[in-house]
Amino acid sequence: MAQALELAEPNVIDEELIRNCITTVEEISISEDKKREFKQETALEDIQALTFSFQNILKIDNLHGLLSLVKLQLDNNIIEKIENISHLTNLEWLDLSFNNIGTIEGLESLIKLTDLRIERLKNLQTLTNLNCLSIGNNQITDVVNAIHYLRPFPNLRILNMQGNPCSKDPEYHMRIIAHLKDIVYVDYRLVDPDQVQSAREHFQDELFEVYEEEKRKAEEMQKVEELHQRQQQLKDANLEGINTLLDEMLKDDTEQEKLKNLTFWPEVIDELQHEFRLLSEEFIENTIKENVKKENERSVFENALNRNREEKDEASISLVHKFNLKKKHLIRQLEEDNIREEEAVAYLKELQESNLELNDDLLEIELRQMEDDDQILSDFERRYGDLVNKFVESAQNEFFSKARELENNFYQNSLRMIQEELEHFAAGQLDELTPEAAMVLGDKELILASMNTSHDIHLGKIDGLEDKIVTNERKNFHSMMEKDRKDSVKRDRSRITEIGAIISRNKHEIEELLREMEP
């Protein structure tokens, strides 16, 4: 059908076509007059369903503003690419079957999608809510690959692959119901539970391999997720680089190629790695525990700030409500036929005074709120700042100083062992030396210079990470406090503007009533 449509001039999606193609999510019977009225009067942002079937559309475009769209049918057109629909995040039903689409793309943001009709199985990983998949009458040849691709979709209940080359496979139906355990309908037919049991027994060896492979992948994904969580935990605690410091020291050490030829080198490196691992693990665990105190302090601060603001807001709302009640009462009195003009004017003058008092009272509350905010922020800044200083002191004394001590001990120990190895080499007491090792040991000045350079590189990496972590800690603290204070000022300005608008509106209403009383 798509090929036949290509003979005609491609259609462009515009507002006229959109309105002609408006339909309803559920099929309902209405008169033609009602249909025309519905299509013409429905606002674009309220459209929930569109049917563009057989419209010879080449490009998906001009669907901006259709944010309520739930169902979109674009089947039997000449569309070549999925595009310009990522903003339709409420979409649940998308039909793109019988088009010229080569690759599924641009659907990542459509997480509500439950019904998809298209050609090839690729790039559907984010559509975890997919309930109905119709890919019939296309060119899917391998049912095994298709099934393996669809197994991870937990909500898939309806599958149609009828009319594809793979549907001619004698085991096509049995494979689907055996491997897709939650499938309910296949090619528009209800799945028979007895057939499912028989199919699973038939493919039990294959299913066992599939289960084992999925188990292995799940374990790998869990490890990756745990690693990601650990990295995020280190980042949140400003500990990035602590657990990999020695690896970075050795990786950037240009002298390792020479030093690794020393017979004792692997042993001392292993010992250094062990000591660094113990040091970093202890510091990380202790710091993460301390970081909980920061999180708790932040939570206490936010709760105190919000609680105080809510109290002030309630007081302000109460004052406005009280004024509005008084205003309504006076207006009702003004509407009485027997009220004298002098009394009416007096009432309105009284209301004007009340409005001025309301302005003063609201501003007074906001002033107290600003003072309270400043006090709460200052108290938090002091307490949190103490925790920041404690972290910096701990990092410098409990980790980096000890890391330098380990490096210095390693350096001194290595120099001693180098001296011993040089003596053994000179005495011919070293057997089975490689040519590279013999060359290194044959030049005492070279090996000692390499050791010194290596030591400097290691200390430089330690100093660099210490500077980075200390700087980040203080910078993050400063940025956090700066943002909190800016947010507080922004809120205060917004509230004062709001107060001004309320008072101005009241003033305008009272003046209008006074003008109406003029002869």
Protein backbone atom coordinates (compact mmCIF):
# COMPACT_ATOMS: atom_id res chain seq x y z
CA MET A 1 0.00 0.00 0.00
CA ALA A 2 2.84 2.39 0.87
CA GLN A 3 4.41 1.85 -2.56
CA ALA A 4 1.13 2.58 -4.33
CA LEU A 5 0.70 5.80 -2.40
CA GLU A 6 4.10 7.04 -3.54
CA LEU A 7 2.69 7.68 -7.00
CA ALA A 8 0.63 10.60 -5.65
CA GLU A 9 1.96 13.94 -4.40
CA PRO A 10 2.97 13.62 -0.71
CA ASN A 11 0.60 15.21 1.76
CA VAL A 12 1.77 17.76 4.34
CA ILE A 13 0.34 17.71 7.85
CA ASP A 14 -1.26 21.11 8.50
CA GLU A 15 -4.10 22.35 10.69
CA GLU A 16 -6.71 21.60 8.02
CA LEU A 17 -5.56 17.98 7.75
CA ILE A 18 -5.31 17.70 11.52
CA ARG A 19 -8.91 18.86 11.96
CA ASN A 20 -10.15 16.54 9.22
CA CYS A 21 -8.44 13.62 10.96
CA ILE A 22 -9.61 14.28 14.51
CA THR A 23 -11.30 11.25 16.05
CA THR A 24 -11.98 9.88 19.53
CA VAL A 25 -9.89 7.54 21.67
CA GLU A 26 -12.84 5.18 22.07
CA GLU A 27 -15.07 4.42 19.09
CA ILE A 28 -18.44 6.09 19.67
CA SER A 29 -21.39 6.57 17.35
CA ILE A 30 -22.25 10.23 16.71
CA SER A 31 -24.03 12.04 13.89
CA GLU A 32 -22.14 13.63 11.01
CA ASP A 33 -23.14 17.09 12.23
CA LYS A 34 -21.75 16.32 15.67
CA LYS A 35 -18.55 15.01 14.07
CA ARG A 36 -18.06 18.20 12.06
CA GLU A 37 -18.75 20.34 15.12
CA PHE A 38 -16.34 18.24 17.22
CA LYS A 39 -13.57 18.56 14.61
CA GLN A 40 -13.95 22.30 14.17
CA GLU A 41 -14.44 23.36 17.79
CA THR A 42 -11.95 21.14 19.61
CA ALA A 43 -8.88 23.16 20.64
CA LEU A 44 -5.60 21.78 19.32
CA GLU A 45 -4.23 21.32 22.84
CA ASP A 46 -7.31 19.22 23.74
CA ILE A 47 -7.14 16.78 20.82
CA GLN A 48 -6.72 13.23 22.12
CA ALA A 49 -6.84 11.12 18.95
CA LEU A 50 -5.82 11.58 15.30
CA THR A 51 -6.20 9.13 12.42
CA PHE A 52 -3.95 9.93 9.43
CA SER A 53 -4.37 6.52 7.75
CA PHE A 54 -4.02 6.45 3.92
CA GLN A 55 -3.14 10.17 3.70
CA ASN A 56 0.07 9.75 1.63
CA ILE A 57 2.11 11.47 4.34
CA LEU A 58 5.88 11.50 3.78
CA LYS A 59 7.03 13.42 6.87
CA ILE A 60 5.72 13.58 10.43
CA ASP A 61 5.59 17.28 11.24
CA ASN A 62 3.54 20.17 12.63
CA LEU A 63 2.19 18.26 15.64
CA HIS A 64 3.43 20.85 18.13
CA GLY A 65 0.86 21.90 20.71
CA LEU A 66 -0.98 18.56 20.66
CA LEU A 67 0.12 17.77 24.21
CA SER A 68 -3.06 15.86 25.11
CA LEU A 69 -2.69 13.40 22.24
CA VAL A 70 -3.17 9.81 23.43
CA LYS A 71 -3.75 7.97 20.13
CA LEU A 72 -1.97 8.66 16.83
CA GLN A 73 -2.57 6.53 13.73
CA LEU A 74 -0.14 7.08 10.84
CA ASP A 75 -0.49 3.69 9.18
CA ASN A 76 -0.52 3.14 5.40
CA ASN A 77 1.52 6.18 4.42
CA ILE A 78 5.00 6.68 2.92
CA ILE A 79 6.77 7.82 6.10
CA GLU A 80 10.49 7.04 6.07
CA LYS A 81 11.59 8.36 9.47
CA ILE A 82 10.10 8.66 12.94
CA GLU A 83 10.55 12.28 13.98
CA ASN A 84 8.93 15.30 15.64
CA ILE A 85 6.85 13.30 18.14
CA SER A 86 9.16 13.19 21.17
CA HIS A 87 7.09 15.98 22.81
CA LEU A 88 3.90 13.87 22.72
CA THR A 89 4.64 12.35 26.12
CA ASN A 90 1.01 11.35 26.82
CA LEU A 91 0.88 9.13 23.73
CA GLU A 92 -0.29 5.60 24.52
CA TRP A 93 -1.18 4.27 21.04
CA LEU A 94 1.03 4.81 17.99
CA ASP A 95 0.34 3.05 14.69
CA LEU A 96 3.13 3.33 12.09
CA SER A 97 2.53 0.06 10.27
CA PHE A 98 2.64 -0.13 6.46
CA ASN A 99 5.18 2.67 5.94
CA ASN A 100 8.76 2.85 4.67
CA ILE A 101 10.42 3.17 8.07
CA GLY A 102 13.79 1.46 8.31
CA THR A 103 14.75 2.10 11.94
CA ILE A 104 12.78 2.77 15.08
CA GLU A 105 14.06 5.98 16.68
CA GLY A 106 12.81 9.07 18.46
CA LEU A 107 10.49 7.18 20.81
CA GLU A 108 12.65 7.38 23.95
CA SER A 109 10.52 10.03 25.68
CA LEU A 110 7.17 8.32 24.97
CA ILE A 111 7.23 6.30 28.17
CA LYS A 112 3.42 6.00 28.35
CA LEU A 113 3.27 4.19 25.01
CA THR A 114 1.38 0.90 25.38
CA ASP A 115 0.39 0.09 21.78
CA LEU A 116 2.92 0.29 18.94
CA ARG A 117 2.47 -0.85 15.35
CA ILE A 118 5.55 -0.72 13.19
CA GLU A 119 7.94 -2.68 10.96
CA ARG A 120 11.22 -3.75 12.58
CA LEU A 121 12.25 -4.60 16.12
CA LYS A 122 14.96 -2.12 17.14
CA ASN A 123 15.42 0.67 19.68
CA LEU A 124 12.34 -0.11 21.78
CA GLN A 125 14.17 -0.52 25.09
CA THR A 126 12.63 2.51 26.82
CA LEU A 127 9.02 1.51 26.03
CA THR A 128 8.62 -0.56 29.19
CA ASN A 129 4.83 -0.02 29.26
CA LEU A 130 4.34 -1.61 25.84
CA ASN A 131 1.19 -3.73 26.03
CA CYS A 132 0.26 -4.30 22.39
CA LEU A 133 2.71 -4.70 19.50
CA SER A 134 1.43 -5.10 15.96
CA ILE A 135 4.12 -5.69 13.35
CA GLY A 136 2.13 -7.78 10.91
CA ASN A 137 2.59 -7.85 7.13
CA ASN A 138 6.23 -6.78 7.18
CA GLN A 139 9.54 -8.50 6.48
CA ILE A 140 10.48 -10.08 9.82
CA THR A 141 12.16 -13.37 8.95
CA ASP A 142 13.68 -14.62 12.22
CA VAL A 143 11.12 -15.48 14.89
CA VAL A 144 13.85 -16.54 17.35
CA ASN A 145 15.53 -13.12 17.32
CA ALA A 146 12.16 -11.38 17.54
CA ILE A 147 11.14 -13.44 20.58
CA HIS A 148 14.45 -12.91 22.38
CA TYR A 149 14.14 -9.18 21.76
CA LEU A 150 10.61 -9.08 23.20
CA ARG A 151 11.19 -11.17 26.33
CA PRO A 152 12.31 -8.19 28.51
CA PHE A 153 8.99 -6.34 27.97
CA PRO A 154 7.08 -7.10 31.21
CA ASN A 155 3.72 -5.68 30.13
CA LEU A 156 3.49 -7.16 26.63
CA ARG A 157 0.21 -9.07 26.35
CA ILE A 158 -0.83 -8.74 22.69
CA LEU A 159 1.45 -9.60 19.75
CA ASN A 160 0.66 -9.66 16.05
CA MET A 161 3.32 -10.82 13.59
CA GLN A 162 0.87 -12.35 11.14
CA GLY A 163 1.86 -12.02 7.49
CA ASN A 164 5.62 -11.91 8.11
CA PRO A 165 7.89 -14.57 6.57
CA CYS A 166 8.64 -15.89 10.06
CA SER A 167 4.96 -16.77 10.59
CA LYS A 168 5.37 -19.61 8.07
CA ASP A 169 7.77 -21.40 10.44
CA PRO A 170 6.01 -24.61 11.64
CA GLU A 171 7.08 -23.84 15.23
CA TYR A 172 6.23 -20.12 15.00
CA HIS A 173 3.21 -20.15 17.32
CA MET A 174 4.71 -22.65 19.79
CA ARG A 175 7.92 -20.64 20.13
CA ILE A 176 6.04 -17.44 20.90
CA ILE A 177 3.78 -18.89 23.61
CA ALA A 178 6.66 -20.88 25.14
CA HIS A 179 9.10 -17.97 25.40
CA LEU A 180 6.75 -15.01 26.07
CA LYS A 181 5.31 -16.19 29.40
CA ASP A 182 2.78 -13.38 29.88
CA ILE A 183 1.43 -13.20 26.34
CA VAL A 184 -2.39 -13.41 26.12
CA TYR A 185 -3.14 -12.91 22.42
CA VAL A 186 -1.02 -13.99 19.44
CA ASP A 187 -2.17 -12.91 15.98
CA TYR A 188 -5.58 -11.94 17.39
CA ARG A 189 -6.13 -15.40 18.92
CA LEU A 190 -6.44 -16.11 22.64
CA VAL A 191 -3.57 -18.23 23.92
CA ASP A 192 -4.58 -21.71 25.18
CA PRO A 193 -2.95 -22.51 28.59
CA ASP A 194 -2.70 -26.22 27.66
CA GLN A 195 -0.78 -25.31 24.50
CA VAL A 196 1.54 -23.10 26.57
CA GLN A 197 2.42 -26.00 28.88
CA SER A 198 3.03 -28.30 25.93
CA ALA A 199 5.16 -25.69 24.14
CA ARG A 200 7.32 -25.09 27.23
CA GLU A 201 7.95 -28.81 27.60
CA HIS A 202 8.89 -28.99 23.92
CA PHE A 203 11.42 -26.13 24.24
CA GLN A 204 12.56 -26.85 27.81
CA ASP A 205 16.26 -27.24 26.92
CA GLU A 206 16.24 -24.03 24.91
CA LEU A 207 14.32 -22.21 27.65
CA PHE A 208 16.84 -23.38 30.27
CA GLU A 209 19.65 -21.81 28.24
CA VAL A 210 17.63 -18.62 27.84
CA TYR A 211 16.92 -18.43 31.58
CA GLU A 212 20.60 -18.98 32.41
CA GLU A 213 21.69 -16.28 29.96
CA GLU A 214 19.10 -13.84 31.31
CA LYS A 215 20.22 -14.64 34.86
CA ARG A 216 23.83 -13.94 33.90
CA LYS A 217 22.88 -10.64 32.27
CA ALA A 218 20.75 -9.66 35.26
CA GLU A 219 23.70 -10.29 37.59
CA GLU A 220 25.95 -8.22 35.35
CA MET A 221 23.41 -5.40 35.29
CA GLN A 222 23.12 -5.56 39.07
CA LYS A 223 26.89 -5.25 39.40
CA VAL A 224 26.89 -2.29 37.02
CA GLU A 225 24.05 -0.68 38.98
CA GLU A 226 25.85 -1.26 42.28
CA LEU A 227 29.01 0.25 40.82
CA HIS A 228 27.03 3.24 39.56
CA GLN A 229 25.42 3.70 42.97
CA ARG A 230 28.82 3.46 44.65
CA GLN A 231 30.28 6.05 42.28
CA GLN A 232 27.32 8.34 42.93
CA GLN A 233 27.79 7.84 46.67
CA LEU A 234 31.45 8.82 46.38
CA LYS A 235 30.54 11.84 44.26
CA ASP A 236 27.89 12.99 46.75
CA ALA A 237 30.43 12.70 49.57
CA ASN A 238 33.14 14.51 47.54
CA LEU A 239 35.34 11.39 47.51
CA GLU A 240 35.85 10.90 43.78
CA GLY A 241 39.40 9.78 43.11
CA ILE A 242 40.14 8.50 46.62
CA ASN A 243 39.60 4.84 45.77
CA THR A 244 41.59 5.11 42.52
CA LEU A 245 44.42 7.35 43.70
CA LEU A 246 47.15 4.71 43.61
CA ASP A 247 45.98 3.46 40.21
CA GLU A 248 46.31 7.00 38.87
CA MET A 249 49.72 7.39 40.52
CA LEU A 250 51.05 4.26 38.82
CA LYS A 251 49.32 4.95 35.50
CA ASP A 252 50.90 8.40 35.18
CA ASP A 253 54.29 7.21 36.47
CA THR A 254 56.56 7.37 33.42
CA GLU A 255 59.34 5.54 35.30
CA GLN A 256 57.39 2.32 35.87
CA GLU A 257 58.73 0.81 32.63
CA LYS A 258 62.27 0.96 34.04
CA LEU A 259 61.50 0.17 37.68
CA LYS A 260 59.39 -2.91 36.95
CA ASN A 261 62.61 -4.66 35.81
CA LEU A 262 63.81 -4.75 39.42
CA THR A 263 63.32 -8.24 40.85
CA PHE A 264 61.58 -7.02 44.01
CA TRP A 265 59.32 -4.47 42.29
CA PRO A 266 56.11 -6.56 41.89
CA GLU A 267 56.27 -7.47 45.58
CA VAL A 268 56.62 -3.90 46.87
CA ILE A 269 53.93 -2.64 44.49
CA ASP A 270 51.53 -5.34 45.76
CA GLU A 271 52.28 -4.29 49.32
CA LEU A 272 51.73 -0.62 48.48
CA GLN A 273 48.41 -1.44 46.80
CA HIS A 274 47.30 -3.39 49.85
CA GLU A 275 48.17 -0.54 52.22
CA PHE A 276 46.51 2.09 50.01
CA ARG A 277 43.39 -0.04 49.72
CA LEU A 278 43.10 -0.36 53.50
CA LEU A 279 43.69 3.37 53.96
CA SER A 280 41.20 4.46 51.31
CA GLU A 281 38.48 2.00 52.35
CA GLU A 282 38.66 3.09 55.99
CA PHE A 283 38.60 6.79 55.09
CA ILE A 284 35.75 6.35 52.60
CA GLU A 285 33.53 4.41 55.00
CA ASN A 286 34.13 6.87 57.84
CA THR A 287 33.50 9.86 55.58
CA ILE A 288 30.28 8.39 54.16
CA LYS A 289 29.01 7.97 57.72
CA GLU A 290 29.93 11.58 58.45
CA ASN A 291 28.28 12.70 55.22
CA VAL A 292 24.96 11.46 56.62
CA LYS A 293 25.30 14.23 59.21
CA LYS A 294 25.49 16.77 56.38
CA GLU A 295 22.37 15.32 54.78
CA ASN A 296 20.54 15.39 58.11
CA GLU A 297 21.66 18.96 58.76
CA ARG A 298 20.36 19.96 55.34
CA SER A 299 17.05 18.24 56.00
CA VAL A 300 16.65 19.94 59.40
CA PHE A 301 17.41 23.31 57.78
CA GLU A 302 14.87 22.85 54.98
CA ASN A 303 12.19 21.67 57.40
CA ALA A 304 12.78 24.64 59.70
CA LEU A 305 12.69 27.07 56.78
CA ASN A 306 9.52 25.59 55.28
CA ARG A 307 7.76 25.31 58.64
CA ASN A 308 8.46 28.95 59.47
CA ARG A 309 7.32 30.09 56.03
CA GLU A 310 4.13 28.06 56.28
CA GLU A 311 3.32 29.70 59.62
CA LYS A 312 3.85 33.17 58.15
CA ASP A 313 1.85 32.25 55.04
CA GLU A 314 -1.05 31.08 57.18
CA ALA A 315 -0.97 34.36 59.11
CA SER A 316 -0.98 36.37 55.86
CA ILE A 317 -3.79 34.29 54.35
CA SER A 318 -5.82 34.77 57.53
CA LEU A 319 -5.43 38.56 57.31
CA VAL A 320 -6.43 38.64 53.63
CA HIS A 321 -9.42 36.39 54.34
CA LYS A 322 -10.49 38.63 57.23
CA PHE A 323 -10.29 41.72 55.00
CA ASN A 324 -12.27 40.00 52.21
CA LEU A 325 -15.02 39.07 54.67
CA LYS A 326 -15.21 42.68 55.82
CA LYS A 327 -15.29 43.87 52.20
CA LYS A 328 -18.15 41.51 51.32
CA HIS A 329 -20.09 42.59 54.40
CA LEU A 330 -19.72 46.30 53.54
CA ILE A 331 -20.65 45.72 49.90
CA ARG A 332 -23.83 43.93 51.01
CA GLN A 333 -24.63 46.94 53.18
CA LEU A 334 -24.06 49.26 50.22
CA GLU A 335 -26.58 47.26 48.21
CA GLU A 336 -29.33 47.96 50.72
CA ASP A 337 -31.89 50.46 49.39
CA ASN A 338 -32.26 52.45 52.59
CA ILE A 339 -28.56 53.24 53.13
CA ARG A 340 -27.67 56.90 53.02
CA GLU A 341 -24.91 58.20 50.78
CA GLU A 342 -22.94 59.60 53.73
CA GLU A 343 -23.00 56.20 55.43
CA ALA A 344 -21.91 54.45 52.23
CA VAL A 345 -18.98 56.82 51.78
CA ALA A 346 -18.01 56.33 55.42
CA TYR A 347 -18.07 52.55 54.97
CA LEU A 348 -15.83 52.79 51.92
CA LYS A 349 -13.43 55.18 53.67
CA GLU A 350 -13.26 52.67 56.52
CA LEU A 351 -12.51 49.93 53.99
CA GLN A 352 -9.73 52.08 52.54
CA GLU A 353 -8.20 52.38 56.00
CA SER A 354 -8.50 48.62 56.47
CA ASN A 355 -6.73 48.08 53.16
CA LEU A 356 -3.86 50.32 54.28
CA GLU A 357 -3.69 48.40 57.56
CA LEU A 358 -3.68 45.13 55.62
CA ASN A 359 -0.75 46.39 53.57
CA ASP A 360 1.19 47.32 56.73
CA ASP A 361 0.38 44.02 58.44
CA LEU A 362 1.34 41.89 55.43
CA LEU A 363 4.61 43.77 54.96
CA GLU A 364 5.33 43.41 58.68
CA ILE A 365 4.84 39.64 58.43
CA GLU A 366 7.08 39.50 55.38
CA LEU A 367 9.73 41.57 57.15
CA ARG A 368 9.70 39.12 60.06
CA GLN A 369 9.87 36.29 57.55
CA MET A 370 12.96 37.80 55.93
CA GLU A 371 14.59 38.19 59.34
CA ASP A 372 13.71 34.61 60.29
CA ASP A 373 15.03 33.32 56.95
CA ASP A 374 18.29 35.13 57.49
CA GLN A 375 18.63 33.73 61.01
CA ILE A 376 17.82 30.17 59.91
CA LEU A 377 20.26 30.45 57.01
CA SER A 378 23.00 31.83 59.25
CA ASP A 379 22.52 29.06 61.82
CA PHE A 380 22.60 26.45 59.08
CA GLU A 381 25.67 28.02 57.48
CA ARG A 382 27.51 27.86 60.79
CA ARG A 383 26.56 24.25 61.58
CA TYR A 384 27.13 22.98 58.05
CA GLY A 385 30.36 24.95 57.82
CA ASP A 386 31.63 23.12 60.91
CA LEU A 387 30.99 19.81 59.12
CA VAL A 388 32.81 21.10 56.03
CA ASN A 389 35.82 22.10 58.12
CA LYS A 390 35.73 18.73 59.85
CA PHE A 391 35.74 16.97 56.47
CA VAL A 392 38.66 19.06 55.20
CA GLU A 393 40.64 18.40 58.37
CA SER A 394 39.89 14.69 58.18
CA ALA A 395 40.84 14.50 54.50
CA GLN A 396 44.12 16.28 55.10
CA ASN A 397 45.11 14.46 58.31
CA GLU A 398 43.43 11.07 58.05
CA PHE A 399 44.01 10.36 54.40
CA PHE A 400 46.40 12.57 52.46
CA SER A 401 49.01 12.87 55.21
CA LYS A 402 48.90 9.11 55.69
CA ALA A 403 49.04 8.59 51.92
CA ARG A 404 52.22 10.68 51.80
CA GLU A 405 53.59 8.67 54.70
CA LEU A 406 52.91 5.42 52.82
CA GLU A 407 54.57 6.85 49.71
CA ASN A 408 57.60 8.07 51.67
CA ASN A 409 57.99 4.69 53.39
CA PHE A 410 57.65 2.99 50.02
CA TYR A 411 60.27 5.30 48.57
CA GLN A 412 62.78 4.75 51.39
CA ASN A 413 62.21 1.01 51.37
CA SER A 414 62.62 0.88 47.59
CA LEU A 415 65.89 2.85 47.75
CA ARG A 416 67.24 0.40 50.31
CA MET A 417 66.24 -2.59 48.20
CA ILE A 418 67.67 -0.98 45.05
CA GLN A 419 71.00 -0.55 46.83
CA GLU A 420 70.97 -4.21 47.88
CA GLU A 421 70.07 -5.35 44.37
CA LEU A 422 72.82 -3.21 42.85
CA GLU A 423 75.34 -4.85 45.20
CA HIS A 424 74.09 -8.34 44.32
CA PHE A 425 74.24 -7.47 40.63
CA ALA A 426 77.80 -6.18 40.94
CA ALA A 427 78.78 -9.40 42.75
CA GLY A 428 77.16 -11.53 40.04
CA GLN A 429 74.68 -13.02 42.50
CA LEU A 430 71.53 -12.39 40.40
CA ASP A 431 70.50 -15.24 38.11
CA GLU A 432 68.23 -15.25 35.05
CA LEU A 433 68.13 -11.50 34.57
CA THR A 434 66.41 -10.19 31.45
CA PRO A 435 68.48 -7.96 29.16
CA GLU A 436 66.30 -5.01 30.19
CA ALA A 437 66.88 -5.68 33.90
CA ALA A 438 70.63 -6.05 33.35
CA MET A 439 70.69 -2.74 31.47
CA VAL A 440 68.80 -0.93 34.26
CA LEU A 441 70.98 -2.38 37.02
CA GLY A 442 74.08 -1.59 35.04
CA ASP A 443 73.43 2.14 35.41
CA LYS A 444 73.17 3.09 39.09
CA GLU A 445 72.57 6.79 38.46
CA LEU A 446 69.78 6.01 35.99
CA ILE A 447 67.86 3.73 38.35
CA LEU A 448 68.20 6.13 41.30
CA ALA A 449 67.07 9.05 39.13
CA SER A 450 64.08 6.99 37.99
CA MET A 451 63.16 6.22 41.60
CA ASN A 452 63.37 9.91 42.54
CA THR A 453 61.26 10.95 39.54
CA SER A 454 58.69 8.25 40.35
CA HIS A 455 58.50 9.48 43.94
CA ASP A 456 57.94 13.08 42.80
CA ILE A 457 55.17 11.97 40.42
CA HIS A 458 53.43 10.05 43.20
CA LEU A 459 53.60 12.98 45.62
CA GLY A 460 52.35 15.29 42.88
CA LYS A 461 49.27 13.10 42.31
CA ILE A 462 48.56 13.03 46.06
CA ASP A 463 48.92 16.82 46.32
CA GLY A 464 46.77 17.35 43.24
CA LEU A 465 43.88 15.22 44.50
CA GLU A 466 44.07 16.83 47.94
CA ASP A 467 43.84 20.30 46.42
CA LYS A 468 40.95 19.22 44.18
CA ILE A 469 38.91 17.67 46.99
CA VAL A 470 39.49 20.50 49.47
CA THR A 471 38.68 23.11 46.80
CA ASN A 472 35.53 21.23 45.73
CA GLU A 473 34.33 20.93 49.31
CA ARG A 474 34.63 24.64 50.00
CA LYS A 475 33.33 25.61 46.55
CA ASN A 476 30.27 23.35 46.86
CA PHE A 477 29.52 24.78 50.30
CA HIS A 478 29.84 28.35 49.03
CA SER A 479 27.66 27.64 45.97
CA MET A 480 25.00 25.95 48.09
CA MET A 481 24.78 28.87 50.51
CA GLU A 482 24.80 31.41 47.68
CA LYS A 483 21.88 29.61 46.01
CA ASP A 484 19.93 29.37 49.27
CA ARG A 485 20.31 33.09 49.89
CA LYS A 486 19.39 33.98 46.30
CA ASP A 487 16.31 31.76 46.53
CA SER A 488 15.33 33.48 49.77
CA VAL A 489 15.70 36.96 48.25
CA LYS A 490 13.77 35.86 45.15
CA ARG A 491 10.94 34.53 47.31
CA ASP A 492 10.84 37.74 49.36
CA ARG A 493 10.63 39.90 46.25
CA SER A 494 7.92 37.71 44.80
CA ARG A 495 5.91 37.88 48.00
CA ILE A 496 6.23 41.70 48.22
CA THR A 497 5.08 41.95 44.59
CA GLU A 498 2.13 39.70 45.45
CA ILE A 499 1.24 41.89 48.44
CA GLY A 500 1.41 44.98 46.24
CA ALA A 501 -0.94 43.37 43.71
CA ILE A 502 -3.49 42.46 46.41
CA ILE A 503 -3.48 45.93 47.95
CA SER A 504 -3.64 47.62 44.53
CA ARG A 505 -6.59 45.46 43.47
CA ASN A 506 -8.45 46.27 46.69
CA LYS A 507 -7.68 49.98 46.27
CA HIS A 508 -8.97 49.94 42.69
CA GLU A 509 -12.21 48.18 43.68
CA ILE A 510 -12.88 50.65 46.51
CA GLU A 511 -12.19 53.66 44.27
CA GLU A 512 -14.57 52.25 41.65
CA LEU A 513 -17.30 52.00 44.28
CA LEU A 514 -16.62 55.56 45.42
CA ARG A 515 -16.86 56.85 41.84
CA GLU A 516 -20.18 55.08 41.42
CA MET A 517 -21.49 57.03 44.42
CA GLU A 518 -20.60 60.37 42.88
CA PRO A 519 -23.63 62.33 41.54
